[in-house]
Amino acid sequence: MVKESSEPACQAEACALQSCLNKNTYSPDKCDEHLRKLYRCCQTMYKQTDGKGESTACPMPNIVQRWLKNHGESVS
C-alpha cells in the first residue's frame, strides 16, 4: 500500500478518489470505497512511521483514526 517513491504516500489512492468524485459529482456516496482505501493507506503510513509520516494526500493521524473508527474499521 505505502510505497517508497518520489510521490507522497497514498497519492495514488487520493487521485483515484478525486477521479471518482469528478465522475460522480451528484453521487459522492459511489466513491466510498475509494475514500476507505485512502484512509486505510494513510493509517498504514502512520503506523509504519510511528505517527510521524507526512503526506499531502492524508489528513492528520487523529482525523484518520476517528474516521476509520466511525465507519466500522479497525484502528488498532
Protein backbone atom coordinates (compact mmCIF):
# COMPACT_ATOMS: atom_id res chain seq x y z
CA MET A 1 0.00 0.00 0.00
CA VAL A 2 2.54 2.63 1.12
CA LYS A 3 5.37 2.66 -1.38
CA GLU A 4 8.81 4.22 -1.41
CA SER A 5 8.82 6.70 -4.27
CA SER A 6 9.14 10.36 -5.10
CA GLU A 7 5.39 10.95 -4.83
CA PRO A 8 3.77 11.45 -1.42
CA ALA A 9 2.44 8.38 0.37
CA CYS A 10 -1.11 7.43 -0.66
CA GLN A 11 -1.08 9.83 -3.61
CA ALA A 12 -2.41 7.15 -5.97
CA GLU A 13 -5.37 6.50 -3.65
CA ALA A 14 -6.07 10.23 -3.35
CA CYS A 15 -6.00 10.63 -7.15
CA ALA A 16 -8.36 7.67 -7.61
CA LEU A 17 -10.76 9.23 -5.10
CA GLN A 18 -10.60 12.59 -6.87
CA SER A 19 -11.30 10.97 -10.24
CA CYS A 20 -14.28 9.13 -8.78
CA LEU A 21 -15.65 12.30 -7.22
CA ASN A 22 -15.25 14.15 -10.53
CA LYS A 23 -17.21 11.41 -12.32
CA ASN A 24 -19.90 11.22 -9.63
CA THR A 25 -20.46 14.86 -8.77
CA TYR A 26 -24.01 14.31 -7.63
CA SER A 27 -23.43 10.89 -6.04
CA PRO A 28 -20.28 11.07 -3.88
CA ASP A 29 -21.51 8.00 -1.97
CA LYS A 30 -20.42 5.97 -5.02
CA CYS A 31 -16.82 6.81 -4.06
CA ASP A 32 -16.98 5.40 -0.53
CA GLU A 33 -14.62 2.51 -1.30
CA HIS A 34 -12.01 4.93 -2.71
CA LEU A 35 -12.26 7.01 0.46
CA ARG A 36 -11.84 3.89 2.61
CA LYS A 37 -8.75 2.87 0.62
CA LEU A 38 -7.22 6.31 1.09
CA TYR A 39 -7.81 6.33 4.84
CA ARG A 40 -6.52 2.75 5.20
CA CYS A 41 -3.40 3.72 3.26
CA CYS A 42 -2.89 6.77 5.49
CA GLN A 43 -3.39 4.64 8.62
CA THR A 44 -0.74 2.19 7.36
CA MET A 45 1.68 5.02 6.61
CA TYR A 46 1.20 6.49 10.10
CA LYS A 47 1.70 3.05 11.71
CA GLN A 48 4.91 2.47 9.74
CA THR A 49 6.28 5.87 10.80
CA ASP A 50 5.05 5.90 14.42
CA GLY A 51 2.69 8.75 13.54
CA LYS A 52 5.48 10.93 12.17
CA GLY A 53 4.87 10.33 8.47
CA GLU A 54 3.69 13.17 6.30
CA SER A 55 1.75 13.20 3.05
CA THR A 56 -0.24 15.88 1.30
CA ALA A 57 -2.70 13.08 0.46
CA CYS A 58 -3.51 12.31 4.11
CA PRO A 59 -5.32 14.16 6.87
CA MET A 60 -3.74 14.33 10.33
CA PRO A 61 -3.43 10.95 12.12
CA ASN A 62 -6.19 11.65 14.66
CA ILE A 63 -8.63 12.52 11.83
CA VAL A 64 -7.79 9.28 10.01
CA GLN A 65 -8.28 7.19 13.16
CA ARG A 66 -11.56 8.89 14.04
CA TRP A 67 -12.95 8.49 10.52
CA LEU A 68 -11.98 4.81 10.34
CA LYS A 69 -13.44 4.13 13.80
CA ASN A 70 -16.68 5.96 12.93
CA HIS A 71 -17.00 3.91 9.72
CA GLY A 72 -16.54 0.48 11.26
CA GLU A 73 -12.87 -0.02 10.52
CA SER A 74 -10.28 -1.43 12.92
CA VAL A 75 -7.83 1.19 14.21
CA SER A 76 -5.55 -0.85 16.44
